[in-house]
Full PDB file with SEQRES, HELIX, SHEET, SSBOND, CRYST1, ORIGX, SCALE, CONECT and MASTER records, all heavy atoms in Angstrom:
SEQRES   1 A   32  THR GLY ASP PHE ASN GLY ASP ARG ARG MET ASP MET GLY          
SEQRES   2 A   32  MET MET TYR ARG PHE GLY ASP GLY SER ILE LYS MET TYR          
SEQRES   3 A   32  THR GLY LEU ALA ASP ALA                                      
SHEET    1 AA1 2 MET A  12  ARG A  17  0                                        
SHEET    2 AA1 2 ILE A  23  GLY A  28 -1                                        
CRYST1    1.000    1.000    1.000  90.00  90.00  90.00 P 1           1          
ORIGX1      1.000000  0.000000  0.000000        0.00000                         
ORIGX2      0.000000  1.000000  0.000000        0.00000                         
ORIGX3      0.000000  0.000000  1.000000        0.00000                         
SCALE1      1.000000  0.000000  0.000000        0.00000                         
SCALE2      0.000000  1.000000  0.000000        0.00000                         
SCALE3      0.000000  0.000000  1.000000        0.00000                         
ATOM      1  N   THR A   1      71.850 113.244  86.123  1.00  0.00           N  
ATOM      2  CA  THR A   1      70.702 112.761  86.887  1.00  0.00           C  
ATOM      3  C   THR A   1      70.098 113.896  87.698  1.00  0.00           C  
ATOM      4  O   THR A   1      70.798 114.794  88.164  1.00  0.00           O  
ATOM      5  CB  THR A   1      71.108 111.631  87.849  1.00  0.00           C  
ATOM      6  OG1 THR A   1      72.116 112.111  88.753  1.00  0.00           O  
ATOM      7  CG2 THR A   1      71.647 110.431  87.081  1.00  0.00           C  
ATOM      8  N   GLY A   2      68.771 113.839  87.867  1.00  0.00           N  
ATOM      9  CA  GLY A   2      68.069 114.834  88.658  1.00  0.00           C  
ATOM     10  C   GLY A   2      66.575 114.614  88.572  1.00  0.00           C  
ATOM     11  O   GLY A   2      66.099 113.819  87.746  1.00  0.00           O  
ATOM     12  N   ASP A   3      65.829 115.315  89.394  1.00  0.00           N  
ATOM     13  CA  ASP A   3      64.361 115.241  89.355  1.00  0.00           C  
ATOM     14  C   ASP A   3      63.869 116.333  88.412  1.00  0.00           C  
ATOM     15  O   ASP A   3      63.588 117.455  88.819  1.00  0.00           O  
ATOM     16  CB  ASP A   3      63.790 115.430  90.762  1.00  0.00           C  
ATOM     17  CG  ASP A   3      62.270 115.391  90.779  1.00  0.00           C  
ATOM     18  OD1 ASP A   3      61.662 115.099  89.732  1.00  0.00           O  
ATOM     19  OD2 ASP A   3      61.699 115.680  91.841  1.00  0.00           O  
ATOM     20  N   PHE A   4      63.754 115.999  87.133  1.00  0.00           N  
ATOM     21  CA  PHE A   4      63.513 117.014  86.115  1.00  0.00           C  
ATOM     22  C   PHE A   4      62.048 117.429  85.978  1.00  0.00           C  
ATOM     23  O   PHE A   4      61.763 118.458  85.357  1.00  0.00           O  
ATOM     24  CB  PHE A   4      64.070 116.546  84.772  1.00  0.00           C  
ATOM     25  CG  PHE A   4      65.562 116.315  84.800  1.00  0.00           C  
ATOM     26  CD1 PHE A   4      66.096 115.065  84.543  1.00  0.00           C  
ATOM     27  CD2 PHE A   4      66.423 117.346  85.124  1.00  0.00           C  
ATOM     28  CE1 PHE A   4      67.466 114.850  84.590  1.00  0.00           C  
ATOM     29  CE2 PHE A   4      67.803 117.146  85.182  1.00  0.00           C  
ATOM     30  CZ  PHE A   4      68.315 115.896  84.907  1.00  0.00           C  
ATOM     31  N   ASN A   5      61.113 116.638  86.526  1.00  0.00           N  
ATOM     32  CA  ASN A   5      59.696 117.024  86.463  1.00  0.00           C  
ATOM     33  C   ASN A   5      59.083 117.299  87.829  1.00  0.00           C  
ATOM     34  O   ASN A   5      57.881 117.520  87.951  1.00  0.00           O  
ATOM     35  CB  ASN A   5      58.875 115.971  85.714  1.00  0.00           C  
ATOM     36  CG  ASN A   5      58.870 114.621  86.417  1.00  0.00           C  
ATOM     37  OD1 ASN A   5      59.682 114.382  87.331  1.00  0.00           O  
ATOM     38  ND2 ASN A   5      57.977 113.738  86.010  1.00  0.00           N  
ATOM     39  N   GLY A   6      59.891 117.260  88.889  1.00  0.00           N  
ATOM     40  CA  GLY A   6      59.430 117.648  90.210  1.00  0.00           C  
ATOM     41  C   GLY A   6      58.542 116.654  90.922  1.00  0.00           C  
ATOM     42  O   GLY A   6      57.799 117.026  91.836  1.00  0.00           O  
ATOM     43  N   ASP A   7      58.630 115.359  90.566  1.00  0.00           N  
ATOM     44  CA  ASP A   7      57.779 114.355  91.229  1.00  0.00           C  
ATOM     45  C   ASP A   7      58.517 113.611  92.340  1.00  0.00           C  
ATOM     46  O   ASP A   7      58.033 112.601  92.843  1.00  0.00           O  
ATOM     47  CB  ASP A   7      57.219 113.363  90.211  1.00  0.00           C  
ATOM     48  CG  ASP A   7      58.295 112.532  89.518  1.00  0.00           C  
ATOM     49  OD1 ASP A   7      59.506 112.737  89.810  1.00  0.00           O  
ATOM     50  OD2 ASP A   7      57.948 111.681  88.679  1.00  0.00           O  
ATOM     51  N   ARG A   8      59.712 114.102  92.699  1.00  0.00           N  
ATOM     52  CA  ARG A   8      60.549 113.542  93.768  1.00  0.00           C  
ATOM     53  C   ARG A   8      61.157 112.188  93.411  1.00  0.00           C  
ATOM     54  O   ARG A   8      61.583 111.435  94.289  1.00  0.00           O  
ATOM     55  CB  ARG A   8      59.767 113.442  95.092  1.00  0.00           C  
ATOM     56  CG  ARG A   8      59.279 114.787  95.590  1.00  0.00           C  
ATOM     57  CD  ARG A   8      58.659 114.682  96.967  1.00  0.00           C  
ATOM     58  NE  ARG A   8      58.179 115.986  97.415  1.00  0.00           N  
ATOM     59  CZ  ARG A   8      57.614 116.199  98.593  1.00  0.00           C  
ATOM     60  NH1 ARG A   8      57.452 115.206  99.460  1.00  0.00           N  
ATOM     61  NH2 ARG A   8      57.196 117.405  98.923  1.00  0.00           N  
ATOM     62  N   ARG A   9      61.187 111.898  92.123  1.00  0.00           N  
ATOM     63  CA  ARG A   9      61.895 110.700  91.655  1.00  0.00           C  
ATOM     64  C   ARG A   9      63.040 111.144  90.756  1.00  0.00           C  
ATOM     65  O   ARG A   9      62.891 112.061  89.960  1.00  0.00           O  
ATOM     66  CB  ARG A   9      60.952 109.750  90.902  1.00  0.00           C  
ATOM     67  CG  ARG A   9      59.833 109.189  91.747  1.00  0.00           C  
ATOM     68  CD  ARG A   9      59.156 108.016  91.064  1.00  0.00           C  
ATOM     69  NE  ARG A   9      58.377 108.386  89.906  1.00  0.00           N  
ATOM     70  CZ  ARG A   9      57.057 108.584  89.910  1.00  0.00           C  
ATOM     71  NH1 ARG A   9      56.366 108.469  91.048  1.00  0.00           N  
ATOM     72  NH2 ARG A   9      56.412 108.907  88.816  1.00  0.00           N  
ATOM     73  N   MET A  10      64.179 110.454  90.877  1.00  0.00           N  
ATOM     74  CA  MET A  10      65.335 110.796  90.062  1.00  0.00           C  
ATOM     75  C   MET A  10      65.159 110.310  88.636  1.00  0.00           C  
ATOM     76  O   MET A  10      64.806 109.155  88.406  1.00  0.00           O  
ATOM     77  CB  MET A  10      66.614 110.188  90.646  1.00  0.00           C  
ATOM     78  CG  MET A  10      67.874 110.675  89.942  1.00  0.00           C  
ATOM     79  SD  MET A  10      69.339 109.730  90.420  1.00  0.00           S  
ATOM     80  CE  MET A  10      69.136 108.254  89.411  1.00  0.00           C  
ATOM     81  N   ASP A  11      65.378 111.203  87.695  1.00  0.00           N  
ATOM     82  CA  ASP A  11      65.271 110.895  86.274  1.00  0.00           C  
ATOM     83  C   ASP A  11      66.658 110.953  85.640  1.00  0.00           C  
ATOM     84  O   ASP A  11      67.647 111.276  86.293  1.00  0.00           O  
ATOM     85  CB  ASP A  11      64.349 111.923  85.597  1.00  0.00           C  
ATOM     86  CG  ASP A  11      63.058 112.137  86.365  1.00  0.00           C  
ATOM     87  OD1 ASP A  11      62.347 111.137  86.605  1.00  0.00           O  
ATOM     88  OD2 ASP A  11      62.753 113.289  86.723  1.00  0.00           O  
ATOM     89  N   MET A  12      66.703 110.636  84.352  1.00  0.00           N  
ATOM     90  CA  MET A  12      67.944 110.723  83.586  1.00  0.00           C  
ATOM     91  C   MET A  12      67.800 111.796  82.517  1.00  0.00           C  
ATOM     92  O   MET A  12      66.793 111.845  81.801  1.00  0.00           O  
ATOM     93  CB  MET A  12      68.264 109.390  82.899  1.00  0.00           C  
ATOM     94  CG  MET A  12      68.524 108.226  83.833  1.00  0.00           C  
ATOM     95  SD  MET A  12      70.012 108.422  84.843  1.00  0.00           S  
ATOM     96  CE  MET A  12      71.262 108.580  83.576  1.00  0.00           C  
ATOM     97  N   GLY A  13      68.781 112.669  82.432  1.00  0.00           N  
ATOM     98  CA  GLY A  13      68.847 113.640  81.350  1.00  0.00           C  
ATOM     99  C   GLY A  13      70.007 113.294  80.441  1.00  0.00           C  
ATOM    100  O   GLY A  13      71.031 112.788  80.897  1.00  0.00           O  
ATOM    101  N   MET A  14      69.837 113.567  79.164  1.00  0.00           N  
ATOM    102  CA  MET A  14      70.894 113.236  78.212  1.00  0.00           C  
ATOM    103  C   MET A  14      71.048 114.343  77.177  1.00  0.00           C  
ATOM    104  O   MET A  14      70.058 114.855  76.643  1.00  0.00           O  
ATOM    105  CB  MET A  14      70.597 111.919  77.495  1.00  0.00           C  
ATOM    106  CG  MET A  14      71.664 111.528  76.472  1.00  0.00           C  
ATOM    107  SD  MET A  14      71.390 109.901  75.710  1.00  0.00           S  
ATOM    108  CE  MET A  14      69.907 110.213  74.749  1.00  0.00           C  
ATOM    109  N   MET A  15      72.298 114.699  76.909  1.00  0.00           N  
ATOM    110  CA  MET A  15      72.646 115.510  75.752  1.00  0.00           C  
ATOM    111  C   MET A  15      73.245 114.562  74.725  1.00  0.00           C  
ATOM    112  O   MET A  15      74.159 113.797  75.044  1.00  0.00           O  
ATOM    113  CB  MET A  15      73.654 116.594  76.147  1.00  0.00           C  
ATOM    114  CG  MET A  15      74.145 117.427  74.992  1.00  0.00           C  
ATOM    115  SD  MET A  15      75.399 118.667  75.506  1.00  0.00           S  
ATOM    116  CE  MET A  15      74.321 120.009  76.035  1.00  0.00           C  
ATOM    117  N   TYR A  16      72.712 114.611  73.507  1.00  0.00           N  
ATOM    118  CA  TYR A  16      73.151 113.658  72.479  1.00  0.00           C  
ATOM    119  C   TYR A  16      73.615 114.416  71.232  1.00  0.00           C  
ATOM    120  O   TYR A  16      72.939 115.321  70.742  1.00  0.00           O  
ATOM    121  CB  TYR A  16      72.012 112.706  72.105  1.00  0.00           C  
ATOM    122  CG  TYR A  16      72.464 111.540  71.253  1.00  0.00           C  
ATOM    123  CD1 TYR A  16      72.928 110.374  71.855  1.00  0.00           C  
ATOM    124  CD2 TYR A  16      72.470 111.623  69.864  1.00  0.00           C  
ATOM    125  CE1 TYR A  16      73.372 109.309  71.078  1.00  0.00           C  
ATOM    126  CE2 TYR A  16      72.919 110.567  69.091  1.00  0.00           C  
ATOM    127  CZ  TYR A  16      73.368 109.417  69.702  1.00  0.00           C  
ATOM    128  OH  TYR A  16      73.827 108.370  68.947  1.00  0.00           O  
ATOM    129  N   ARG A  17      74.791 114.004  70.744  1.00  0.00           N  
ATOM    130  CA  ARG A  17      75.365 114.613  69.541  1.00  0.00           C  
ATOM    131  C   ARG A  17      75.107 113.715  68.334  1.00  0.00           C  
ATOM    132  O   ARG A  17      75.448 112.522  68.335  1.00  0.00           O  
ATOM    133  CB  ARG A  17      76.871 114.793  69.718  1.00  0.00           C  
ATOM    134  CG  ARG A  17      77.582 115.343  68.491  1.00  0.00           C  
ATOM    135  CD  ARG A  17      79.089 115.290  68.671  1.00  0.00           C  
ATOM    136  NE  ARG A  17      79.546 113.936  68.951  1.00  0.00           N  
ATOM    137  CZ  ARG A  17      80.816 113.597  69.162  1.00  0.00           C  
ATOM    138  NH1 ARG A  17      81.745 114.508  69.147  1.00  0.00           N  
ATOM    139  NH2 ARG A  17      81.151 112.345  69.403  1.00  0.00           N  
ATOM    140  N   PHE A  18      74.507 114.290  67.288  1.00  0.00           N  
ATOM    141  CA  PHE A  18      74.247 113.549  66.053  1.00  0.00           C  
ATOM    142  C   PHE A  18      75.399 113.724  65.066  1.00  0.00           C  
ATOM    143  O   PHE A  18      76.240 114.614  65.210  1.00  0.00           O  
ATOM    144  CB  PHE A  18      72.934 114.025  65.422  1.00  0.00           C  
ATOM    145  CG  PHE A  18      71.717 113.617  66.209  1.00  0.00           C  
ATOM    146  CD1 PHE A  18      71.213 114.442  67.202  1.00  0.00           C  
ATOM    147  CD2 PHE A  18      71.097 112.403  65.978  1.00  0.00           C  
ATOM    148  CE1 PHE A  18      70.101 114.070  67.942  1.00  0.00           C  
ATOM    149  CE2 PHE A  18      69.987 112.013  66.709  1.00  0.00           C  
ATOM    150  CZ  PHE A  18      69.492 112.847  67.698  1.00  0.00           C  
ATOM    151  N   GLY A  19      75.408 112.872  64.074  1.00  0.00           N  
ATOM    152  CA  GLY A  19      76.487 112.875  63.096  1.00  0.00           C  
ATOM    153  C   GLY A  19      76.616 114.168  62.327  1.00  0.00           C  
ATOM    154  O   GLY A  19      77.704 114.504  61.843  1.00  0.00           O  
ATOM    155  N   ASP A  20      75.502 114.918  62.185  1.00  0.00           N  
ATOM    156  CA  ASP A  20      75.559 116.174  61.438  1.00  0.00           C  
ATOM    157  C   ASP A  20      76.031 117.347  62.290  1.00  0.00           C  
ATOM    158  O   ASP A  20      76.109 118.481  61.813  1.00  0.00           O  
ATOM    159  CB  ASP A  20      74.191 116.478  60.823  1.00  0.00           C  
ATOM    160  CG  ASP A  20      73.113 116.769  61.876  1.00  0.00           C  
ATOM    161  OD1 ASP A  20      73.391 116.653  63.082  1.00  0.00           O  
ATOM    162  OD2 ASP A  20      71.977 117.103  61.465  1.00  0.00           O  
ATOM    163  N   GLY A  21      76.331 117.076  63.574  1.00  0.00           N  
ATOM    164  CA  GLY A  21      76.807 118.124  64.462  1.00  0.00           C  
ATOM    165  C   GLY A  21      75.735 118.765  65.316  1.00  0.00           C  
ATOM    166  O   GLY A  21      76.040 119.562  66.211  1.00  0.00           O  
ATOM    167  N   SER A  22      74.463 118.441  65.057  1.00  0.00           N  
ATOM    168  CA  SER A  22      73.398 118.960  65.919  1.00  0.00           C  
ATOM    169  C   SER A  22      73.422 118.234  67.260  1.00  0.00           C  
ATOM    170  O   SER A  22      73.926 117.109  67.367  1.00  0.00           O  
ATOM    171  CB  SER A  22      72.033 118.808  65.253  1.00  0.00           C  
ATOM    172  OG  SER A  22      71.727 117.438  65.034  1.00  0.00           O  
ATOM    173  N   ILE A  23      72.888 118.884  68.281  1.00  0.00           N  
ATOM    174  CA  ILE A  23      72.894 118.346  69.640  1.00  0.00           C  
ATOM    175  C   ILE A  23      71.489 118.479  70.218  1.00  0.00           C  
ATOM    176  O   ILE A  23      70.886 119.558  70.140  1.00  0.00           O  
ATOM    177  CB  ILE A  23      73.917 119.098  70.519  1.00  0.00           C  
ATOM    178  CG1 ILE A  23      75.345 118.823  70.019  1.00  0.00           C  
ATOM    179  CG2 ILE A  23      73.779 118.714  71.988  1.00  0.00           C  
ATOM    180  CD1 ILE A  23      76.414 119.665  70.699  1.00  0.00           C  
ATOM    181  N   LYS A  24      70.972 117.406  70.800  1.00  0.00           N  
ATOM    182  CA  LYS A  24      69.602 117.415  71.305  1.00  0.00           C  
ATOM    183  C   LYS A  24      69.571 116.983  72.760  1.00  0.00           C  
ATOM    184  O   LYS A  24      70.352 116.141  73.194  1.00  0.00           O  
ATOM    185  CB  LYS A  24      68.722 116.475  70.470  1.00  0.00           C  
ATOM    186  CG  LYS A  24      67.232 116.562  70.778  1.00  0.00           C  
ATOM    187  CD  LYS A  24      66.423 115.571  69.955  1.00  0.00           C  
ATOM    188  CE  LYS A  24      66.310 115.983  68.521  1.00  0.00           C  
ATOM    189  NZ  LYS A  24      65.387 117.141  68.340  1.00  0.00           N  
ATOM    190  N   MET A  25      68.644 117.584  73.517  1.00  0.00           N  
ATOM    191  CA  MET A  25      68.420 117.217  74.909  1.00  0.00           C  
ATOM    192  C   MET A  25      67.271 116.213  75.008  1.00  0.00           C  
ATOM    193  O   MET A  25      66.254 116.353  74.322  1.00  0.00           O  
ATOM    194  CB  MET A  25      68.098 118.457  75.738  1.00  0.00           C  
ATOM    195  CG  MET A  25      69.215 119.477  75.813  1.00  0.00           C  
ATOM    196  SD  MET A  25      70.735 118.845  76.568  1.00  0.00           S  
ATOM    197  CE  MET A  25      70.166 118.504  78.251  1.00  0.00           C  
ATOM    198  N   TYR A  26      67.450 115.223  75.887  1.00  0.00           N  
ATOM    199  CA  TYR A  26      66.447 114.178  76.111  1.00  0.00           C  
ATOM    200  C   TYR A  26      66.223 113.991  77.607  1.00  0.00           C  
ATOM    201  O   TYR A  26      67.123 114.223  78.419  1.00  0.00           O  
ATOM    202  CB  TYR A  26      66.920 112.839  75.537  1.00  0.00           C  
ATOM    203  CG  TYR A  26      66.969 112.762  74.032  1.00  0.00           C  
ATOM    204  CD1 TYR A  26      68.076 113.206  73.330  1.00  0.00           C  
ATOM    205  CD2 TYR A  26      65.906 112.219  73.317  1.00  0.00           C  
ATOM    206  CE1 TYR A  26      68.132 113.126  71.950  1.00  0.00           C  
ATOM    207  CE2 TYR A  26      65.957 112.128  71.931  1.00  0.00           C  
ATOM    208  CZ  TYR A  26      67.067 112.584  71.254  1.00  0.00           C  
ATOM    209  OH  TYR A  26      67.117 112.498  69.886  1.00  0.00           O  
ATOM    210  N   THR A  27      65.032 113.528  77.948  1.00  0.00           N  
ATOM    211  CA  THR A  27      64.698 113.208  79.333  1.00  0.00           C  
ATOM    212  C   THR A  27      64.112 111.806  79.409  1.00  0.00           C  
ATOM    213  O   THR A  27      63.180 111.475  78.669  1.00  0.00           O  
ATOM    214  CB  THR A  27      63.656 114.193  79.902  1.00  0.00           C  
ATOM    215  OG1 THR A  27      64.036 115.527  79.596  1.00  0.00           O  
ATOM    216  CG2 THR A  27      63.522 114.023  81.414  1.00  0.00           C  
ATOM    217  N   GLY A  28      64.652 110.989  80.323  1.00  0.00           N  
ATOM    218  CA  GLY A  28      64.091 109.678  80.630  1.00  0.00           C  
ATOM    219  C   GLY A  28      63.538 109.723  82.047  1.00  0.00           C  
ATOM    220  O   GLY A  28      64.302 109.661  83.016  1.00  0.00           O  
ATOM    221  N   LEU A  29      62.232 109.865  82.180  1.00  0.00           N  
ATOM    222  CA  LEU A  29      61.606 109.979  83.496  1.00  0.00           C  
ATOM    223  C   LEU A  29      61.522 108.623  84.185  1.00  0.00           C  
ATOM    224  O   LEU A  29      61.348 107.593  83.525  1.00  0.00           O  
ATOM    225  CB  LEU A  29      60.205 110.577  83.364  1.00  0.00           C  
ATOM    226  CG  LEU A  29      60.122 111.993  82.795  1.00  0.00           C  
ATOM    227  CD1 LEU A  29      58.664 112.413  82.644  1.00  0.00           C  
ATOM    228  CD2 LEU A  29      60.888 112.977  83.670  1.00  0.00           C  
ATOM    229  N   ALA A  30      61.626 108.638  85.499  1.00  0.00           N  
ATOM    230  CA  ALA A  30      61.453 107.405  86.281  1.00  0.00           C  
ATOM    231  C   ALA A  30      59.979 107.215  86.600  1.00  0.00           C  
ATOM    232  O   ALA A  30      59.259 108.177  86.893  1.00  0.00           O  
ATOM    233  CB  ALA A  30      62.260 107.486  87.569  1.00  0.00           C  
ATOM    234  N   ASP A  31      59.525 105.956  86.558  1.00  0.00           N  
ATOM    235  CA  ASP A  31      58.130 105.671  86.911  1.00  0.00           C  
ATOM    236  C   ASP A  31      58.009 105.384  88.406  1.00  0.00           C  
ATOM    237  O   ASP A  31      58.991 105.484  89.157  1.00  0.00           O  
ATOM    238  CB  ASP A  31      57.576 104.522  86.069  1.00  0.00           C  
ATOM    239  CG  ASP A  31      58.294 103.198  86.297  1.00  0.00           C  
ATOM    240  OD1 ASP A  31      59.017 103.057  87.311  1.00  0.00           O  
ATOM    241  OD2 ASP A  31      58.120 102.287  85.466  1.00  0.00           O  
ATOM    242  N   ALA A  32      56.807 105.024  88.851  1.00  0.00           N  
ATOM    243  CA  ALA A  32      56.549 104.826  90.279  1.00  0.00           C  
ATOM    244  C   ALA A  32      57.324 103.663  90.865  1.00  0.00           C  
ATOM    245  O   ALA A  32      57.502 103.587  92.088  1.00  0.00           O  
ATOM    246  CB  ALA A  32      55.052 104.637  90.513  1.00  0.00           C  
TER     247      ALA A  32                                                      
MASTER        0    0    0    0    2    0    0    6  246    1    0    3          
END                                                                             
C-alpha cells in the first residue's frame, strides 16, 4: 500500500506471478 500517484490517497500495488513465470506490476488507485 502507498500513495503511488501523489494525490494523497492510499492506493494498492500488486506484484503478480503468472503461470509461465513472468511477473507483472499492477496499480489499483483509490478514488475520491
